[in-house]
N, C-alpha and C. Protein backbone atom coordinates (compact mmCIF):
# COMPACT_ATOMS: atom_id res chain seq x y z
N MET A 1 -11.63 -8.65 1.53
CA MET A 1 -11.60 -7.86 0.41
C MET A 1 -10.36 -8.46 -0.51
N ASN A 2 -10.48 -8.73 -1.73
CA ASN A 2 -9.49 -9.25 -2.48
C ASN A 2 -8.28 -8.23 -2.87
N PRO A 3 -7.12 -8.76 -2.98
CA PRO A 3 -5.93 -7.95 -3.35
C PRO A 3 -6.16 -6.93 -4.52
N ALA A 4 -6.85 -7.51 -5.51
CA ALA A 4 -6.94 -6.62 -6.73
C ALA A 4 -7.86 -5.45 -6.41
N ALA A 5 -8.83 -5.70 -5.50
CA ALA A 5 -9.74 -4.58 -5.27
C ALA A 5 -9.05 -3.48 -4.34
N VAL A 6 -8.04 -3.95 -3.48
CA VAL A 6 -7.31 -3.10 -2.68
C VAL A 6 -6.29 -2.26 -3.53
N GLU A 7 -5.79 -2.98 -4.44
CA GLU A 7 -4.81 -2.26 -5.54
C GLU A 7 -5.54 -1.13 -6.10
N GLU A 8 -6.84 -1.43 -6.57
CA GLU A 8 -7.51 -0.38 -7.40
C GLU A 8 -7.81 0.69 -6.47
N LEU A 9 -8.27 0.54 -5.24
CA LEU A 9 -8.62 1.56 -4.32
C LEU A 9 -7.35 2.55 -4.11
N ILE A 10 -6.17 1.89 -3.81
CA ILE A 10 -5.02 2.79 -3.66
C ILE A 10 -4.60 3.56 -4.79
N GLU A 11 -4.60 2.81 -5.91
CA GLU A 11 -4.12 3.46 -7.21
C GLU A 11 -5.11 4.61 -7.54
N SER A 12 -6.40 4.40 -7.36
CA SER A 12 -7.35 5.35 -7.80
C SER A 12 -7.40 6.64 -6.80
N ASN A 13 -6.75 6.59 -5.67
CA ASN A 13 -6.79 7.53 -4.73
C ASN A 13 -5.48 8.27 -4.35
N LEU A 14 -4.38 7.72 -4.89
CA LEU A 14 -3.05 8.30 -4.81
C LEU A 14 -2.55 8.63 -6.08
N GLU A 15 -2.08 9.86 -6.22
CA GLU A 15 -1.56 10.38 -7.54
C GLU A 15 -0.29 9.46 -8.04
N ASP A 16 -0.42 9.21 -9.40
CA ASP A 16 0.76 8.46 -9.90
C ASP A 16 1.31 7.38 -9.10
N CYS A 17 0.36 6.60 -8.64
CA CYS A 17 0.69 5.45 -7.72
C CYS A 17 0.62 4.06 -8.53
N GLU A 18 1.61 3.20 -7.99
CA GLU A 18 1.66 1.86 -8.49
C GLU A 18 1.55 0.97 -7.10
N ALA A 19 0.58 0.15 -6.96
CA ALA A 19 0.38 -0.71 -5.82
C ALA A 19 0.45 -2.13 -6.23
N THR A 20 1.03 -2.90 -5.40
CA THR A 20 1.14 -4.38 -5.55
C THR A 20 0.63 -4.93 -4.26
N VAL A 21 -0.44 -5.68 -4.31
CA VAL A 21 -1.11 -6.21 -3.04
C VAL A 21 -1.26 -7.63 -3.23
N SER A 22 -0.99 -8.41 -2.23
CA SER A 22 -1.14 -9.80 -2.08
C SER A 22 -1.53 -10.22 -0.65
N HIS A 23 -1.93 -11.62 -0.56
CA HIS A 23 -2.11 -12.03 0.79
C HIS A 23 -0.82 -12.14 1.57
N ALA A 24 -0.81 -11.68 2.79
CA ALA A 24 0.37 -11.78 3.59
C ALA A 24 1.04 -13.11 3.61
N ARG A 25 2.37 -13.24 3.67
CA ARG A 25 2.99 -14.48 3.78
C ARG A 25 2.64 -15.19 5.01
N ASP A 26 2.60 -16.45 4.95
CA ASP A 26 2.39 -17.30 6.17
C ASP A 26 1.16 -16.94 7.05
N GLU A 27 0.20 -16.38 6.27
CA GLU A 27 -1.13 -15.93 7.00
C GLU A 27 -2.19 -16.78 6.25
N HIS A 28 -3.02 -17.34 7.16
CA HIS A 28 -4.11 -18.15 6.62
C HIS A 28 -5.37 -17.39 6.52
N ASP A 29 -5.44 -16.29 7.14
CA ASP A 29 -6.68 -15.34 7.09
C ASP A 29 -6.58 -14.54 5.86
N GLU A 30 -7.57 -14.57 5.03
CA GLU A 30 -7.49 -13.59 3.83
C GLU A 30 -7.69 -12.28 4.05
N ASP A 31 -7.91 -11.81 5.19
CA ASP A 31 -8.09 -10.41 5.50
C ASP A 31 -6.66 -9.76 5.92
N HIS A 32 -5.66 -10.59 5.84
CA HIS A 32 -4.24 -10.13 6.15
C HIS A 32 -3.61 -9.97 4.86
N LEU A 33 -3.39 -8.66 4.62
CA LEU A 33 -2.75 -8.36 3.24
C LEU A 33 -1.47 -7.72 3.37
N ALA A 34 -0.54 -7.74 2.33
CA ALA A 34 0.67 -7.12 2.20
C ALA A 34 0.70 -6.25 0.94
N ALA A 35 1.00 -4.98 1.13
CA ALA A 35 0.97 -3.97 0.00
C ALA A 35 2.34 -3.38 -0.17
N THR A 36 2.82 -3.15 -1.43
CA THR A 36 4.00 -2.36 -1.76
C THR A 36 3.32 -1.20 -2.57
N VAL A 37 3.63 0.07 -2.18
CA VAL A 37 3.02 1.27 -2.75
C VAL A 37 4.14 2.18 -3.12
N VAL A 38 4.15 2.56 -4.49
CA VAL A 38 5.17 3.46 -4.93
C VAL A 38 4.48 4.72 -5.52
N SER A 39 4.79 5.92 -5.00
CA SER A 39 4.22 7.08 -5.43
C SER A 39 5.16 8.26 -5.13
N PRO A 40 5.14 9.37 -6.08
CA PRO A 40 5.80 10.47 -5.77
C PRO A 40 5.22 11.32 -4.72
N VAL A 41 3.94 11.05 -4.32
CA VAL A 41 3.40 11.68 -3.24
C VAL A 41 4.08 11.61 -1.94
N PHE A 42 4.73 10.51 -1.73
CA PHE A 42 5.59 10.10 -0.57
C PHE A 42 6.87 10.93 -0.42
N ASP A 43 7.27 11.63 -1.45
CA ASP A 43 8.45 12.43 -1.43
C ASP A 43 8.47 13.46 -0.32
N GLY A 44 9.54 13.34 0.56
CA GLY A 44 9.69 14.23 1.69
C GLY A 44 8.92 14.00 2.89
N LEU A 45 7.91 13.04 2.77
CA LEU A 45 7.09 12.73 3.99
C LEU A 45 7.69 11.62 4.85
N PRO A 46 7.65 11.74 6.19
CA PRO A 46 8.01 10.69 7.08
C PRO A 46 7.20 9.46 6.85
N LEU A 47 7.72 8.28 7.31
CA LEU A 47 7.04 6.95 7.01
C LEU A 47 5.69 6.93 7.54
N VAL A 48 5.32 7.51 8.72
CA VAL A 48 4.15 7.46 9.37
C VAL A 48 3.08 8.25 8.34
N GLN A 49 3.51 9.40 7.78
CA GLN A 49 2.72 10.13 6.96
C GLN A 49 2.40 9.42 5.64
N GLN A 50 3.49 8.73 5.25
CA GLN A 50 3.29 7.94 4.01
C GLN A 50 2.23 6.85 4.13
N HIS A 51 2.39 6.22 5.25
CA HIS A 51 1.37 5.08 5.58
C HIS A 51 -0.10 5.71 5.81
N GLN A 52 -0.07 6.94 6.34
CA GLN A 52 -1.51 7.52 6.56
C GLN A 52 -2.11 7.92 5.18
N GLN A 53 -1.28 8.17 4.15
CA GLN A 53 -1.78 8.49 2.84
C GLN A 53 -2.41 7.28 2.19
N VAL A 54 -1.89 6.07 2.44
CA VAL A 54 -2.40 4.80 2.00
C VAL A 54 -3.68 4.51 2.81
N TYR A 55 -3.70 4.68 4.08
CA TYR A 55 -4.90 4.45 4.88
C TYR A 55 -6.01 5.30 4.49
N ASP A 56 -5.72 6.56 4.21
CA ASP A 56 -6.71 7.49 3.88
C ASP A 56 -7.28 7.00 2.43
N ALA A 57 -6.49 6.48 1.47
CA ALA A 57 -6.88 6.05 0.21
C ALA A 57 -7.90 4.89 0.33
N LEU A 58 -7.73 4.11 1.46
CA LEU A 58 -8.52 2.86 1.61
C LEU A 58 -9.78 3.18 2.43
N GLY A 59 -9.80 4.37 3.07
CA GLY A 59 -10.95 4.79 3.89
C GLY A 59 -11.51 3.86 4.83
N ASP A 60 -12.74 3.61 4.82
CA ASP A 60 -13.44 2.71 5.79
C ASP A 60 -13.07 1.28 5.68
N HIS A 61 -12.62 0.92 4.54
CA HIS A 61 -12.22 -0.44 4.19
C HIS A 61 -11.14 -0.92 5.16
N MET A 62 -10.32 0.04 5.76
CA MET A 62 -9.35 -0.36 6.74
C MET A 62 -9.93 -1.01 7.97
N THR A 63 -11.19 -0.51 8.43
CA THR A 63 -11.81 -0.89 9.57
C THR A 63 -12.90 -1.93 9.35
N THR A 64 -13.32 -2.16 8.13
CA THR A 64 -14.36 -3.09 7.84
C THR A 64 -13.98 -4.23 6.99
N ASP A 65 -13.18 -4.13 6.06
CA ASP A 65 -12.89 -5.25 5.17
C ASP A 65 -11.39 -5.78 5.26
N ILE A 66 -10.51 -4.99 5.82
CA ILE A 66 -9.15 -5.34 5.84
C ILE A 66 -8.76 -5.46 7.34
N HIS A 67 -8.34 -6.63 7.77
CA HIS A 67 -8.09 -6.78 9.16
C HIS A 67 -6.73 -6.39 9.53
N ALA A 68 -5.73 -6.68 8.48
CA ALA A 68 -4.29 -6.11 8.79
C ALA A 68 -3.68 -5.94 7.40
N LEU A 69 -2.81 -4.97 7.41
CA LEU A 69 -2.14 -4.53 6.22
C LEU A 69 -0.62 -4.35 6.48
N GLU A 70 0.18 -5.15 5.88
CA GLU A 70 1.59 -5.05 6.02
C GLU A 70 2.04 -4.06 4.90
N LEU A 71 2.50 -3.01 5.20
CA LEU A 71 2.67 -1.92 4.22
C LEU A 71 4.09 -1.53 4.12
N SER A 72 4.63 -1.35 2.72
CA SER A 72 5.93 -0.79 2.54
C SER A 72 5.65 0.26 1.37
N THR A 73 6.12 1.40 1.66
CA THR A 73 5.86 2.69 0.88
C THR A 73 7.28 3.25 0.37
N TYR A 74 7.23 3.67 -0.83
CA TYR A 74 8.56 4.04 -1.57
C TYR A 74 8.16 5.30 -2.50
N THR A 75 9.14 6.17 -2.63
CA THR A 75 9.10 7.14 -3.85
C THR A 75 9.55 6.33 -4.92
N PRO A 76 9.34 6.83 -6.14
CA PRO A 76 9.79 6.04 -7.38
C PRO A 76 11.33 5.98 -7.39
N GLU A 77 12.06 6.93 -6.78
CA GLU A 77 13.54 7.00 -6.72
C GLU A 77 14.06 5.88 -5.74
N GLU A 78 13.26 5.87 -4.57
CA GLU A 78 13.62 4.79 -3.64
C GLU A 78 13.45 3.34 -4.13
N TYR A 79 12.37 3.25 -4.84
CA TYR A 79 12.00 1.91 -5.49
C TYR A 79 12.91 1.53 -6.54
N ALA A 80 13.41 2.44 -7.35
CA ALA A 80 14.41 2.22 -8.34
C ALA A 80 15.69 1.72 -7.74
N ASP A 81 16.12 2.51 -6.69
CA ASP A 81 17.29 2.07 -6.07
C ASP A 81 17.19 0.74 -5.37
N LEU A 82 16.12 0.32 -4.80
CA LEU A 82 15.93 -0.93 -4.28
C LEU A 82 16.01 -2.04 -5.35
N GLU A 83 15.35 -1.75 -6.53
CA GLU A 83 15.39 -2.79 -7.49
C GLU A 83 16.74 -2.92 -8.21
N ALA A 84 17.64 -1.81 -8.03
CA ALA A 84 18.98 -1.91 -8.58
C ALA A 84 19.89 -2.74 -7.74
N GLU A 85 19.58 -2.93 -6.56
CA GLU A 85 20.40 -3.67 -5.52
C GLU A 85 20.49 -5.10 -5.99
């Protein structure tokens, strides 16, 4: 599954979400992806539940089309703080 299709799935299934997906660094297998996902939906949720929200957005693609997903999730405030550093 190509990164743009994964971005579209995440963004269309998570409210006010911005996703950036690419092939994972140093990986030769195109099924290994890295995603940064920013959404207010993550506010107040533990990291495990944030990641579960993304997995739910991807549905069956996580078991059929995506072999591995390196995932970073942030609220908009957390991401703005990260960008400011």
